[in-house]
PDB file of N, CA and C in Angstrom:
ATOM      1  N   UNK A   1      12.257  35.588 221.020  1.00  0.00           N
ATOM      2  CA  UNK A   1      12.202  34.831 222.233  1.00  0.00           C
ATOM      3  C   UNK A   1      12.143  33.369 221.861  1.00  0.00           C
ATOM      4  N   UNK A   2      12.840  32.580 222.608  1.00  0.00           N
ATOM      5  CA  UNK A   2      12.923  31.140 222.339  1.00  0.00           C
ATOM      6  C   UNK A   2      11.609  30.384 222.753  1.00  0.00           C
ATOM      7  N   UNK A   3      11.357  29.337 222.094  1.00  0.00           N
ATOM      8  CA  UNK A   3      10.216  28.506 222.375  1.00  0.00           C
ATOM      9  C   UNK A   3      10.446  27.796 223.700  1.00  0.00           C
ATOM     10  N   UNK A   4       9.491  27.716 224.543  1.00  0.00           N
ATOM     11  CA  UNK A   4       9.584  27.036 225.860  1.00  0.00           C
ATOM     12  C   UNK A   4       9.504  25.514 225.642  1.00  0.00           C
ATOM     13  N   UNK A   5      10.270  24.819 226.357  1.00  0.00           N
ATOM     14  CA  UNK A   5      10.290  23.356 226.319  1.00  0.00           C
ATOM     15  C   UNK A   5       9.546  22.809 227.570  1.00  0.00           C
ATOM     16  N   UNK A   6       8.912  23.626 228.307  1.00  0.00           N
ATOM     17  CA  UNK A   6       8.307  23.184 229.565  1.00  0.00           C
ATOM     18  C   UNK A   6       7.106  22.285 229.282  1.00  0.00           C
ATOM     19  N   UNK A   7       6.986  21.272 230.097  1.00  0.00           N
ATOM     20  CA  UNK A   7       5.776  20.368 229.957  1.00  0.00           C
ATOM     21  C   UNK A   7       4.565  20.920 230.691  1.00  0.00           C
ATOM     22  N   UNK A   8       4.719  22.042 231.402  1.00  0.00           N
ATOM     23  CA  UNK A   8       3.586  22.708 232.035  1.00  0.00           C
ATOM     24  C   UNK A   8       2.692  23.351 230.977  1.00  0.00           C
ATOM     25  N   UNK A   9       1.425  23.139 231.107  1.00  0.00           N
ATOM     26  CA  UNK A   9       0.490  23.788 230.227  1.00  0.00           C
ATOM     27  C   UNK A   9      -0.326  24.839 231.005  1.00  0.00           C
ATOM     28  N   UNK A  10      -0.500  25.936 230.385  1.00  0.00           N
ATOM     29  CA  UNK A  10      -1.225  27.001 231.019  1.00  0.00           C
ATOM     30  C   UNK A  10      -2.757  26.775 230.935  1.00  0.00           C
ATOM     31  N   UNK A  11      -3.423  27.085 232.019  1.00  0.00           N
ATOM     32  CA  UNK A  11      -4.899  27.040 232.012  1.00  0.00           C
ATOM     33  C   UNK A  11      -5.497  27.973 231.032  1.00  0.00           C
ATOM     34  N   UNK A  12      -4.843  29.191 231.021  1.00  0.00           N
ATOM     35  CA  UNK A  12      -5.324  30.225 230.047  1.00  0.00           C
ATOM     36  C   UNK A  12      -4.102  30.508 229.114  1.00  0.00           C
ATOM     37  N   UNK A  13      -4.047  29.822 227.943  1.00  0.00           N
ATOM     38  CA  UNK A  13      -2.873  30.033 227.087  1.00  0.00           C
ATOM     39  C   UNK A  13      -2.607  31.471 226.740  1.00  0.00           C
ATOM     40  N   UNK A  14      -3.635  32.337 226.690  1.00  0.00           N
ATOM     41  CA  UNK A  14      -3.405  33.750 226.306  1.00  0.00           C
ATOM     42  C   UNK A  14      -2.575  34.479 227.383  1.00  0.00           C
ATOM     43  N   UNK A  15      -2.442  33.844 228.527  1.00  0.00           N
ATOM     44  CA  UNK A  15      -1.674  34.482 229.627  1.00  0.00           C
ATOM     45  C   UNK A  15      -0.159  34.350 229.464  1.00  0.00           C
ATOM     46  N   UNK A  16       0.272  33.560 228.472  1.00  0.00           N
ATOM     47  CA  UNK A  16       1.691  33.341 228.212  1.00  0.00           C
ATOM     48  C   UNK A  16       2.486  34.593 228.074  1.00  0.00           C
ATOM     49  N   UNK A  17       2.048  35.536 227.280  1.00  0.00           N
ATOM     50  CA  UNK A  17       2.691  36.792 227.089  1.00  0.00           C
ATOM     51  C   UNK A  17       2.810  37.590 228.368  1.00  0.00           C
ATOM     52  N   UNK A  18       1.723  37.571 229.152  1.00  0.00           N
ATOM     53  CA  UNK A  18       1.761  38.359 230.447  1.00  0.00           C
ATOM     54  C   UNK A  18       2.688  37.799 231.408  1.00  0.00           C
ATOM     55  N   UNK A  19       2.786  36.441 231.452  1.00  0.00           N
ATOM     56  CA  UNK A  19       3.694  35.751 232.342  1.00  0.00           C
ATOM     57  C   UNK A  19       5.128  35.978 231.968  1.00  0.00           C
ATOM     58  N   UNK A  20       5.415  35.967 230.639  1.00  0.00           N
ATOM     59  CA  UNK A  20       6.786  36.308 230.201  1.00  0.00           C
ATOM     60  C   UNK A  20       7.141  37.745 230.567  1.00  0.00           C
ATOM     61  N   UNK A  21       6.229  38.666 230.418  1.00  0.00           N
ATOM     62  CA  UNK A  21       6.511  40.068 230.799  1.00  0.00           C
ATOM     63  C   UNK A  21       6.739  40.133 232.307  1.00  0.00           C
ATOM     64  N   UNK A  22       5.964  39.421 233.078  1.00  0.00           N
ATOM     65  CA  UNK A  22       6.175  39.457 234.539  1.00  0.00           C
ATOM     66  C   UNK A  22       7.581  38.894 234.870  1.00  0.00           C
ATOM     67  N   UNK A  23       8.015  37.839 234.190  1.00  0.00           N
ATOM     68  CA  UNK A  23       9.300  37.250 234.418  1.00  0.00           C
ATOM     69  C   UNK A  23      10.422  38.249 234.184  1.00  0.00           C
ATOM     70  N   UNK A  24      10.306  39.008 233.070  1.00  0.00           N
ATOM     71  CA  UNK A  24      11.370  40.039 232.776  1.00  0.00           C
ATOM     72  C   UNK A  24      11.269  41.167 233.787  1.00  0.00           C
ATOM     73  N   UNK A  25      10.128  41.567 234.219  1.00  0.00           N
ATOM     74  CA  UNK A  25       9.985  42.644 235.187  1.00  0.00           C
ATOM     75  C   UNK A  25      10.632  42.262 236.478  1.00  0.00           C
ATOM     76  N   UNK A  26      10.314  41.040 236.946  1.00  0.00           N
ATOM     77  CA  UNK A  26      10.873  40.581 238.213  1.00  0.00           C
ATOM     78  C   UNK A  26      12.369  40.457 238.132  1.00  0.00           C
ATOM     79  N   UNK A  27      12.855  39.911 237.021  1.00  0.00           N
ATOM     80  CA  UNK A  27      14.313  39.764 236.876  1.00  0.00           C
ATOM     81  C   UNK A  27      15.005  41.095 236.897  1.00  0.00           C
ATOM     82  N   UNK A  28      14.410  42.106 236.268  1.00  0.00           N
ATOM     83  CA  UNK A  28      14.999  43.420 236.256  1.00  0.00           C
ATOM     84  C   UNK A  28      14.984  43.997 237.672  1.00  0.00           C
ATOM     85  N   UNK A  29      13.903  43.853 238.384  1.00  0.00           N
ATOM     86  CA  UNK A  29      13.844  44.377 239.795  1.00  0.00           C
ATOM     87  C   UNK A  29      14.869  43.674 240.655  1.00  0.00           C
ATOM     88  N   UNK A  30      15.203  42.422 240.411  1.00  0.00           N
ATOM     89  CA  UNK A  30      16.175  41.746 241.237  1.00  0.00           C
ATOM     90  C   UNK A  30      17.582  41.973 240.682  1.00  0.00           C
ATOM     91  N   UNK A  31      17.705  42.645 239.537  1.00  0.00           N
ATOM     92  CA  UNK A  31      19.034  42.866 238.976  1.00  0.00           C
ATOM     93  C   UNK A  31      19.679  41.666 238.318  1.00  0.00           C
ATOM     94  N   UNK A  32      18.827  40.756 237.801  1.00  0.00           N
ATOM     95  CA  UNK A  32      19.257  39.508 237.177  1.00  0.00           C
ATOM     96  C   UNK A  32      19.053  39.661 235.648  1.00  0.00           C
ATOM     97  N   UNK A  33      20.092  39.368 234.896  1.00  0.00           N
ATOM     98  CA  UNK A  33      19.973  39.523 233.388  1.00  0.00           C
ATOM     99  C   UNK A  33      19.495  38.150 232.881  1.00  0.00           C
ATOM    100  N   UNK A  34      18.408  38.168 232.136  1.00  0.00           N
ATOM    101  CA  UNK A  34      17.847  36.966 231.467  1.00  0.00           C
ATOM    102  C   UNK A  34      18.530  36.840 230.124  1.00  0.00           C
ATOM    103  N   UNK A  35      19.021  35.614 229.772  1.00  0.00           N
ATOM    104  CA  UNK A  35      19.737  35.455 228.496  1.00  0.00           C
ATOM    105  C   UNK A  35      18.805  35.838 227.311  1.00  0.00           C
ATOM    106  N   UNK A  36      19.369  36.538 226.318  1.00  0.00           N
ATOM    107  CA  UNK A  36      18.603  36.973 225.161  1.00  0.00           C
ATOM    108  C   UNK A  36      18.188  35.815 224.314  1.00  0.00           C
ATOM    109  N   UNK A  37      18.923  34.721 224.358  1.00  0.00           N
ATOM    110  CA  UNK A  37      18.639  33.545 223.505  1.00  0.00           C
ATOM    111  C   UNK A  37      17.560  32.642 224.167  1.00  0.00           C
ATOM    112  N   UNK A  38      17.161  32.962 225.397  1.00  0.00           N
ATOM    113  CA  UNK A  38      16.113  32.191 226.054  1.00  0.00           C
ATOM    114  C   UNK A  38      16.634  30.873 226.699  1.00  0.00           C
ATOM    115  N   UNK A  39      17.931  30.642 226.637  1.00  0.00           N
ATOM    116  CA  UNK A  39      18.547  29.412 227.200  1.00  0.00           C
ATOM    117  C   UNK A  39      18.943  29.725 228.671  1.00  0.00           C
ATOM    118  N   UNK A  40      18.350  29.042 229.625  1.00  0.00           N
ATOM    119  CA  UNK A  40      18.593  29.328 231.028  1.00  0.00           C
ATOM    120  C   UNK A  40      19.602  28.415 231.628  1.00  0.00           C
ATOM    121  N   UNK A  41      20.210  27.445 230.804  1.00  0.00           N
ATOM    122  CA  UNK A  41      21.140  26.515 231.351  1.00  0.00           C
ATOM    123  C   UNK A  41      22.404  27.094 231.878  1.00  0.00           C
ATOM    124  N   UNK A  42      22.780  28.267 231.480  1.00  0.00           N
ATOM    125  CA  UNK A  42      23.989  28.917 232.041  1.00  0.00           C
ATOM    126  C   UNK A  42      23.759  29.839 233.166  1.00  0.00           C
ATOM    127  N   UNK A  43      22.513  29.972 233.631  1.00  0.00           N
ATOM    128  CA  UNK A  43      22.143  30.758 234.769  1.00  0.00           C
ATOM    129  C   UNK A  43      22.286  30.047 236.031  1.00  0.00           C
ATOM    130  N   UNK A  44      22.649  30.689 237.072  1.00  0.00           N
ATOM    131  CA  UNK A  44      22.784  30.111 238.418  1.00  0.00           C
ATOM    132  C   UNK A  44      21.436  29.662 238.915  1.00  0.00           C
ATOM    133  N   UNK A  45      21.389  28.582 239.510  1.00  0.00           N
ATOM    134  CA  UNK A  45      20.076  28.060 240.104  1.00  0.00           C
ATOM    135  C   UNK A  45      19.486  29.050 241.067  1.00  0.00           C
ATOM    136  N   UNK A  46      20.397  29.688 241.816  1.00  0.00           N
ATOM    137  CA  UNK A  46      19.911  30.715 242.779  1.00  0.00           C
ATOM    138  C   UNK A  46      19.157  31.818 242.110  1.00  0.00           C
ATOM    139  N   UNK A  47      19.663  32.290 240.950  1.00  0.00           N
ATOM    140  CA  UNK A  47      19.028  33.359 240.190  1.00  0.00           C
ATOM    141  C   UNK A  47      17.637  32.939 239.654  1.00  0.00           C
ATOM    142  N   UNK A  48      17.625  31.784 239.036  1.00  0.00           N
ATOM    143  CA  UNK A  48      16.359  31.345 238.482  1.00  0.00           C
ATOM    144  C   UNK A  48      15.349  31.052 239.608  1.00  0.00           C
ATOM    145  N   UNK A  49      15.809  30.526 240.721  1.00  0.00           N
ATOM    146  CA  UNK A  49      14.937  30.278 241.879  1.00  0.00           C
ATOM    147  C   UNK A  49      14.394  31.602 242.462  1.00  0.00           C
ATOM    148  N   UNK A  50      15.243  32.630 242.513  1.00  0.00           N
ATOM    149  CA  UNK A  50      14.844  33.943 242.981  1.00  0.00           C
ATOM    150  C   UNK A  50      13.741  34.540 242.090  1.00  0.00           C
ATOM    151  N   UNK A  51      13.890  34.355 240.764  1.00  0.00           N
ATOM    152  CA  UNK A  51      12.925  34.869 239.854  1.00  0.00           C
ATOM    153  C   UNK A  51      11.591  34.116 240.074  1.00  0.00           C
ATOM    154  N   UNK A  52      11.659  32.814 240.072  1.00  0.00           N
ATOM    155  CA  UNK A  52      10.459  31.988 240.228  1.00  0.00           C
ATOM    156  C   UNK A  52       9.765  32.235 241.622  1.00  0.00           C
ATOM    157  N   UNK A  53      10.539  32.440 242.619  1.00  0.00           N
ATOM    158  CA  UNK A  53       9.945  32.717 243.924  1.00  0.00           C
ATOM    159  C   UNK A  53       9.213  34.059 244.010  1.00  0.00           C
ATOM    160  N   UNK A  54       9.871  35.047 243.403  1.00  0.00           N
ATOM    161  CA  UNK A  54       9.262  36.400 243.360  1.00  0.00           C
ATOM    162  C   UNK A  54       8.035  36.386 242.474  1.00  0.00           C
ATOM    163  N   UNK A  55       8.029  35.620 241.344  1.00  0.00           N
ATOM    164  CA  UNK A  55       6.831  35.564 240.534  1.00  0.00           C
ATOM    165  C   UNK A  55       5.704  34.941 241.293  1.00  0.00           C
ATOM    166  N   UNK A  56       5.989  33.816 242.014  1.00  0.00           N
ATOM    167  CA  UNK A  56       4.934  33.141 242.864  1.00  0.00           C
ATOM    168  C   UNK A  56       4.404  34.067 243.897  1.00  0.00           C
ATOM    169  N   UNK A  57       5.269  34.775 244.568  1.00  0.00           N
ATOM    170  CA  UNK A  57       4.739  35.777 245.598  1.00  0.00           C
ATOM    171  C   UNK A  57       3.857  36.779 244.968  1.00  0.00           C
ATOM    172  N   UNK A  58       4.290  37.313 243.842  1.00  0.00           N
ATOM    173  CA  UNK A  58       3.494  38.346 243.171  1.00  0.00           C
ATOM    174  C   UNK A  58       2.142  37.827 242.695  1.00  0.00           C
ATOM    175  N   UNK A  59       2.111  36.588 242.105  1.00  0.00           N
ATOM    176  CA  UNK A  59       0.854  35.951 241.683  1.00  0.00           C
ATOM    177  C   UNK A  59      -0.084  35.688 242.883  1.00  0.00           C
ATOM    178  N   UNK A  60       0.489  35.256 243.987  1.00  0.00           N
ATOM    179  CA  UNK A  60      -0.353  35.020 245.208  1.00  0.00           C
ATOM    180  C   UNK A  60      -0.909  36.361 245.642  1.00  0.00           C
ATOM    181  N   UNK A  61      -0.117  37.403 245.627  1.00  0.00           N
ATOM    182  CA  UNK A  61      -0.607  38.723 246.068  1.00  0.00           C
ATOM    183  C   UNK A  61      -1.736  39.159 245.168  1.00  0.00           C
ATOM    184  N   UNK A  62      -1.576  38.961 243.855  1.00  0.00           N
ATOM    185  CA  UNK A  62      -2.614  39.397 242.877  1.00  0.00           C
ATOM    186  C   UNK A  62      -3.928  38.567 243.172  1.00  0.00           C
ATOM    187  N   UNK A  63      -3.794  37.281 243.429  1.00  0.00           N
ATOM    188  CA  UNK A  63      -4.910  36.474 243.717  1.00  0.00           C
ATOM    189  C   UNK A  63      -5.634  36.887 245.006  1.00  0.00           C
ATOM    190  N   UNK A  64      -4.821  37.132 246.017  1.00  0.00           N
ATOM    191  CA  UNK A  64      -5.430  37.587 247.302  1.00  0.00           C
ATOM    192  C   UNK A  64      -6.165  38.870 247.139  1.00  0.00           C
ATOM    193  N   UNK A  65      -5.592  39.841 246.381  1.00  0.00           N
ATOM    194  CA  UNK A  65      -6.303  41.111 246.166  1.00  0.00           C
ATOM    195  C   UNK A  65      -7.539  40.876 245.350  1.00  0.00           C
ATOM    196  N   UNK A  66      -7.562  39.948 244.431  1.00  0.00           N
ATOM    197  CA  UNK A  66      -8.772  39.668 243.637  1.00  0.00           C
ATOM    198  C   UNK A  66      -9.798  39.039 244.488  1.00  0.00           C
ATOM    199  N   UNK A  67      -9.415  38.103 245.382  1.00  0.00           N
ATOM    200  CA  UNK A  67     -10.395  37.488 246.246  1.00  0.00           C
ATOM    201  C   UNK A  67     -10.966  38.508 247.266  1.00  0.00           C
ATOM    202  N   UNK A  68     -10.085  39.343 247.786  1.00  0.00           N
ATOM    203  CA  UNK A  68     -10.521  40.309 248.763  1.00  0.00           C
ATOM    204  C   UNK A  68     -11.522  41.355 248.080  1.00  0.00           C
ATOM    205  N   UNK A  69     -11.350  41.565 246.786  1.00  0.00           N
ATOM    206  CA  UNK A  69     -12.224  42.531 246.089  1.00  0.00           C
ATOM    207  C   UNK A  69     -13.579  41.945 245.750  1.00  0.00           C
ATOM    208  N   UNK A  70     -13.730  40.603 245.838  1.00  0.00           N
ATOM    209  CA  UNK A  70     -15.055  40.033 245.479  1.00  0.00           C
ATOM    210  C   UNK A  70     -16.029  40.185 246.709  1.00  0.00           C
ATOM    211  N   UNK A  71     -17.032  40.864 246.511  1.00  0.00           N
ATOM    212  CA  UNK A  71     -18.009  41.029 247.540  1.00  0.00           C
ATOM    213  C   UNK A  71     -18.936  39.779 247.709  1.00  0.00           C
ATOM    214  N   UNK A  72     -19.087  39.412 248.968  1.00  0.00           N
ATOM    215  CA  UNK A  72     -19.912  38.272 249.241  1.00  0.00           C
ATOM    216  C   UNK A  72     -19.245  36.972 248.993  1.00  0.00           C
ATOM    217  N   UNK A  73     -17.894  36.924 248.948  1.00  0.00           N
ATOM    218  CA  UNK A  73     -17.186  35.693 248.689  1.00  0.00           C
ATOM    219  C   UNK A  73     -17.118  34.836 249.920  1.00  0.00           C
ATOM    220  N   UNK A  74     -16.938  33.563 249.711  1.00  0.00           N
ATOM    221  CA  UNK A  74     -16.835  32.556 250.795  1.00  0.00           C
ATOM    222  C   UNK A  74     -15.439  32.191 251.067  1.00  0.00           C
ATOM    223  N   UNK A  75     -14.467  32.950 250.689  1.00  0.00           N
ATOM    224  CA  UNK A  75     -13.042  32.662 250.846  1.00  0.00           C
ATOM    225  C   UNK A  75     -12.423  33.209 252.140  1.00  0.00           C
ATOM    226  N   UNK A  76     -13.170  33.629 253.101  1.00  0.00           N
ATOM    227  CA  UNK A  76     -12.626  34.200 254.255  1.00  0.00           C
ATOM    228  C   UNK A  76     -12.317  33.220 255.367  1.00  0.00           C
TER     229      UNK A  76
END
């Protein structure tokens, strides 16, 4: 897998592998082939945006479920 050149830093660096796995799962569900060399420059913006949007929706869903599962939380 290619090294990321993103300037974004993860709050939990150990989550990098899980996020990469999520990216591949979402791309597969959407029927989008991720380049083996890790270079996204030849991908359509629509495809990369679809992957990013689906990842964001999934992460929000996970966070909502986590918050809903906390008893006595003040997030309601």
